[in-house]
Amino acid sequence: MKTLVPDTIAPPFARYAHGVEVPAGCRLVFTSGQLGLARDGTVPDAVRAQADICLSNIDAILAEAGAGRDDVVRISAFVTDRAFMAAYMAARDAWLADVVRLPASTLMIVSGFTRAEFKVEIEVIAAVRP
């Protein structure tokens, strides 16, 4: 896979790439949006804790497909308040700390999720080489 960060546009302002080229023959893995819902059904109040749960769930889904963080080519994240962006980004950057080829990433502010206590939702697309 090839990271796309053209020098003719402004560089990414956080830990992500502008684009990722996926070569032919890769197996694609799509996750549903993951919420900050722990296995026991609890939802922490802190945005960072919710984001960490989302990313931990994504790790489990990727592992089920024989994939990992290095295979992620796109992250889409949603937060319910601009004030929550920094906590989400800190969780994402920690999750990607050991990843060499960074994925493309989008972060959007949305009005809410299925339950009022949810503050962040994250989904990814991964491309696994044969």
C-alpha atoms as a PDB file:
ATOM      1  CA  MET A   1       0.000   0.000   0.000  1.00  0.00           C
ATOM      2  CA  LYS A   2       1.154   3.502  -0.744  1.00  0.00           C
ATOM      3  CA  THR A   3       0.555   6.605   1.345  1.00  0.00           C
ATOM      4  CA  LEU A   4      -0.541   9.635  -0.685  1.00  0.00           C
ATOM      5  CA  VAL A   5       0.674  12.972   0.691  1.00  0.00           C
ATOM      6  CA  PRO A   6       1.282  15.300  -2.278  1.00  0.00           C
ATOM      7  CA  ASP A   7       3.702  18.141  -1.623  1.00  0.00           C
ATOM      8  CA  THR A   8       1.491  20.406  -3.749  1.00  0.00           C
ATOM      9  CA  ILE A   9      -1.137  20.683  -0.972  1.00  0.00           C
ATOM     10  CA  ALA A  10      -0.961  21.509   2.725  1.00  0.00           C
ATOM     11  CA  PRO A  11       0.291  18.572   4.802  1.00  0.00           C
ATOM     12  CA  PRO A  12      -2.040  16.709   7.153  1.00  0.00           C
ATOM     13  CA  PHE A  13      -2.380  18.584  10.432  1.00  0.00           C
ATOM     14  CA  ALA A  14      -2.495  15.423  12.548  1.00  0.00           C
ATOM     15  CA  ARG A  15      -1.358  11.775  12.450  1.00  0.00           C
ATOM     16  CA  TYR A  16      -2.947  10.597   9.184  1.00  0.00           C
ATOM     17  CA  ALA A  17      -2.299  10.571   5.426  1.00  0.00           C
ATOM     18  CA  HIS A  18      -4.298  12.438   2.803  1.00  0.00           C
ATOM     19  CA  GLY A  19      -4.865   9.163   0.961  1.00  0.00           C
ATOM     20  CA  VAL A  20      -3.834   5.533   0.674  1.00  0.00           C
ATOM     21  CA  GLU A  21      -3.516   3.552  -2.535  1.00  0.00           C
ATOM     22  CA  VAL A  22      -4.616  -0.078  -2.195  1.00  0.00           C
ATOM     23  CA  PRO A  23      -3.041  -2.459  -4.701  1.00  0.00           C
ATOM     24  CA  ALA A  24      -5.063  -5.028  -6.621  1.00  0.00           C
ATOM     25  CA  GLY A  25      -5.603  -8.343  -4.912  1.00  0.00           C
ATOM     26  CA  CYS A  26      -6.056  -7.055  -1.369  1.00  0.00           C
ATOM     27  CA  ARG A  27      -8.931  -8.346   0.734  1.00  0.00           C
ATOM     28  CA  LEU A  28     -11.033  -5.480   2.140  1.00  0.00           C
ATOM     29  CA  VAL A  29     -12.374  -5.455   5.698  1.00  0.00           C
ATOM     30  CA  PHE A  30     -15.052  -2.919   6.688  1.00  0.00           C
ATOM     31  CA  THR A  31     -16.069  -2.394  10.302  1.00  0.00           C
ATOM     32  CA  SER A  32     -19.360  -0.999  11.428  1.00  0.00           C
ATOM     33  CA  GLY A  33     -19.147   2.142  13.500  1.00  0.00           C
ATOM     34  CA  GLN A  34     -18.031   1.224  16.997  1.00  0.00           C
ATOM     35  CA  LEU A  35     -19.382   3.077  20.019  1.00  0.00           C
ATOM     36  CA  GLY A  36     -17.889   3.438  23.493  1.00  0.00           C
ATOM     37  CA  LEU A  37     -19.892   0.502  24.799  1.00  0.00           C
ATOM     38  CA  ALA A  38     -17.899  -1.883  26.987  1.00  0.00           C
ATOM     39  CA  ARG A  39     -18.568  -5.624  26.820  1.00  0.00           C
ATOM     40  CA  ASP A  40     -20.426  -5.428  30.152  1.00  0.00           C
ATOM     41  CA  GLY A  41     -22.789  -2.819  28.699  1.00  0.00           C
ATOM     42  CA  THR A  42     -21.326   0.195  30.493  1.00  0.00           C
ATOM     43  CA  VAL A  43     -20.514   3.472  28.766  1.00  0.00           C
ATOM     44  CA  PRO A  44     -17.818   5.634  30.357  1.00  0.00           C
ATOM     45  CA  ASP A  45     -18.485   9.358  30.491  1.00  0.00           C
ATOM     46  CA  ALA A  46     -15.010  10.427  29.298  1.00  0.00           C
ATOM     47  CA  VAL A  47     -14.565  10.846  25.547  1.00  0.00           C
ATOM     48  CA  ARG A  48     -11.047   9.360  25.626  1.00  0.00           C
ATOM     49  CA  ALA A  49     -12.328   6.264  27.444  1.00  0.00           C
ATOM     50  CA  GLN A  50     -15.128   5.869  24.896  1.00  0.00           C
ATOM     51  CA  ALA A  51     -12.674   6.267  21.999  1.00  0.00           C
ATOM     52  CA  ASP A  52     -10.335   3.695  23.560  1.00  0.00           C
ATOM     53  CA  ILE A  53     -13.229   1.208  23.747  1.00  0.00           C
ATOM     54  CA  CYS A  54     -14.137   1.913  20.105  1.00  0.00           C
ATOM     55  CA  LEU A  55     -10.562   1.261  19.019  1.00  0.00           C
ATOM     56  CA  SER A  56     -10.249  -1.849  21.179  1.00  0.00           C
ATOM     57  CA  ASN A  57     -13.420  -3.198  19.560  1.00  0.00           C
ATOM     58  CA  ILE A  58     -11.932  -2.434  16.150  1.00  0.00           C
ATOM     59  CA  ASP A  59      -8.773  -4.355  17.120  1.00  0.00           C
ATOM     60  CA  ALA A  60     -10.966  -7.384  17.906  1.00  0.00           C
ATOM     61  CA  ILE A  61     -12.875  -7.119  14.607  1.00  0.00           C
ATOM     62  CA  LEU A  62      -9.657  -6.760  12.620  1.00  0.00           C
ATOM     63  CA  ALA A  63      -8.108  -9.748  14.417  1.00  0.00           C
ATOM     64  CA  GLU A  64     -11.197 -11.816  13.575  1.00  0.00           C
ATOM     65  CA  ALA A  65     -10.414 -11.088   9.900  1.00  0.00           C
ATOM     66  CA  GLY A  66      -6.699 -11.808  10.255  1.00  0.00           C
ATOM     67  CA  ALA A  67      -5.886  -8.115  10.030  1.00  0.00           C
ATOM     68  CA  GLY A  68      -4.350  -5.479  12.282  1.00  0.00           C
ATOM     69  CA  ARG A  69      -3.755  -1.786  12.680  1.00  0.00           C
ATOM     70  CA  ASP A  70      -1.095  -1.808   9.951  1.00  0.00           C
ATOM     71  CA  ASP A  71      -3.767  -2.907   7.473  1.00  0.00           C
ATOM     72  CA  VAL A  72      -6.086   0.052   8.136  1.00  0.00           C
ATOM     73  CA  VAL A  73      -6.345   2.351   5.129  1.00  0.00           C
ATOM     74  CA  ARG A  74      -9.147   4.651   6.313  1.00  0.00           C
ATOM     75  CA  ILE A  75     -10.567   5.828   9.617  1.00  0.00           C
ATOM     76  CA  SER A  76     -13.873   7.663   9.850  1.00  0.00           C
ATOM     77  CA  ALA A  77     -14.736   9.126  13.221  1.00  0.00           C
ATOM     78  CA  PHE A  78     -17.663  11.112  14.536  1.00  0.00           C
ATOM     79  CA  VAL A  79     -17.921  13.175  17.731  1.00  0.00           C
ATOM     80  CA  THR A  80     -20.920  15.003  19.114  1.00  0.00           C
ATOM     81  CA  ASP A  81     -19.083  18.183  20.120  1.00  0.00           C
ATOM     82  CA  ARG A  82     -16.092  20.134  18.831  1.00  0.00           C
ATOM     83  CA  ALA A  83     -14.721  20.023  22.396  1.00  0.00           C
ATOM     84  CA  PHE A  84     -14.382  16.223  22.056  1.00  0.00           C
ATOM     85  CA  MET A  85     -12.008  16.357  19.072  1.00  0.00           C
ATOM     86  CA  ALA A  86      -8.774  16.533  21.096  1.00  0.00           C
ATOM     87  CA  ALA A  87      -9.618  13.492  23.245  1.00  0.00           C
ATOM     88  CA  TYR A  88     -10.570  11.457  20.176  1.00  0.00           C
ATOM     89  CA  MET A  89      -7.419  12.520  18.327  1.00  0.00           C
ATOM     90  CA  ALA A  90      -5.244  11.581  21.326  1.00  0.00           C
ATOM     91  CA  ALA A  91      -6.817   8.102  21.365  1.00  0.00           C
ATOM     92  CA  ARG A  92      -6.372   7.726  17.597  1.00  0.00           C
ATOM     93  CA  ASP A  93      -2.756   8.888  17.706  1.00  0.00           C
ATOM     94  CA  ALA A  94      -1.955   6.477  20.556  1.00  0.00           C
ATOM     95  CA  TRP A  95      -3.669   3.646  18.639  1.00  0.00           C
ATOM     96  CA  LEU A  96      -1.545   4.459  15.577  1.00  0.00           C
ATOM     97  CA  ALA A  97       1.694   5.077  17.517  1.00  0.00           C
ATOM     98  CA  ASP A  98       3.485   2.000  16.136  1.00  0.00           C
ATOM     99  CA  VAL A  99       1.937   2.139  12.652  1.00  0.00           C
ATOM    100  CA  VAL A 100       4.437   3.214  10.006  1.00  0.00           C
ATOM    101  CA  ARG A 101       2.094   3.754   7.024  1.00  0.00           C
ATOM    102  CA  LEU A 102      -0.653   6.014   8.260  1.00  0.00           C
ATOM    103  CA  PRO A 103      -4.254   5.653   7.060  1.00  0.00           C
ATOM    104  CA  ALA A 104      -6.454   8.337   5.577  1.00  0.00           C
ATOM    105  CA  SER A 105      -8.728   9.831   8.222  1.00  0.00           C
ATOM    106  CA  THR A 106     -11.875  11.910   8.504  1.00  0.00           C
ATOM    107  CA  LEU A 107     -13.376  13.399  11.669  1.00  0.00           C
ATOM    108  CA  MET A 108     -16.892  14.836  11.651  1.00  0.00           C
ATOM    109  CA  ILE A 109     -19.012  16.566  14.250  1.00  0.00           C
ATOM    110  CA  VAL A 110     -22.522  15.120  14.367  1.00  0.00           C
ATOM    111  CA  SER A 111     -25.651  15.939  16.354  1.00  0.00           C
ATOM    112  CA  GLY A 112     -25.806  12.619  18.182  1.00  0.00           C
ATOM    113  CA  PHE A 113     -26.004   8.841  18.191  1.00  0.00           C
ATOM    114  CA  THR A 114     -28.605   6.247  19.164  1.00  0.00           C
ATOM    115  CA  ARG A 115     -28.148   6.945  22.881  1.00  0.00           C
ATOM    116  CA  ALA A 116     -27.382  10.348  24.385  1.00  0.00           C
ATOM    117  CA  GLU A 117     -24.401   9.075  26.424  1.00  0.00           C
ATOM    118  CA  PHE A 118     -22.425   8.127  23.301  1.00  0.00           C
ATOM    119  CA  LYS A 119     -19.951  10.867  22.353  1.00  0.00           C
ATOM    120  CA  VAL A 120     -17.756   9.201  19.716  1.00  0.00           C
ATOM    121  CA  GLU A 121     -18.125   6.563  17.010  1.00  0.00           C
ATOM    122  CA  ILE A 122     -15.292   5.132  14.903  1.00  0.00           C
ATOM    123  CA  GLU A 123     -15.219   2.877  11.839  1.00  0.00           C
ATOM    124  CA  VAL A 124     -12.340   1.679   9.689  1.00  0.00           C
ATOM    125  CA  ILE A 125     -11.570   0.095   6.356  1.00  0.00           C
ATOM    126  CA  ALA A 126      -8.601  -2.260   6.181  1.00  0.00           C
ATOM    127  CA  ALA A 127      -6.889  -3.831   3.176  1.00  0.00           C
ATOM    128  CA  VAL A 128      -5.192  -7.164   3.803  1.00  0.00           C
ATOM    129  CA  ARG A 129      -2.571  -8.443   1.400  1.00  0.00           C
ATOM    130  CA  PRO A 130      -2.939 -12.058   0.329  1.00  0.00           C
END
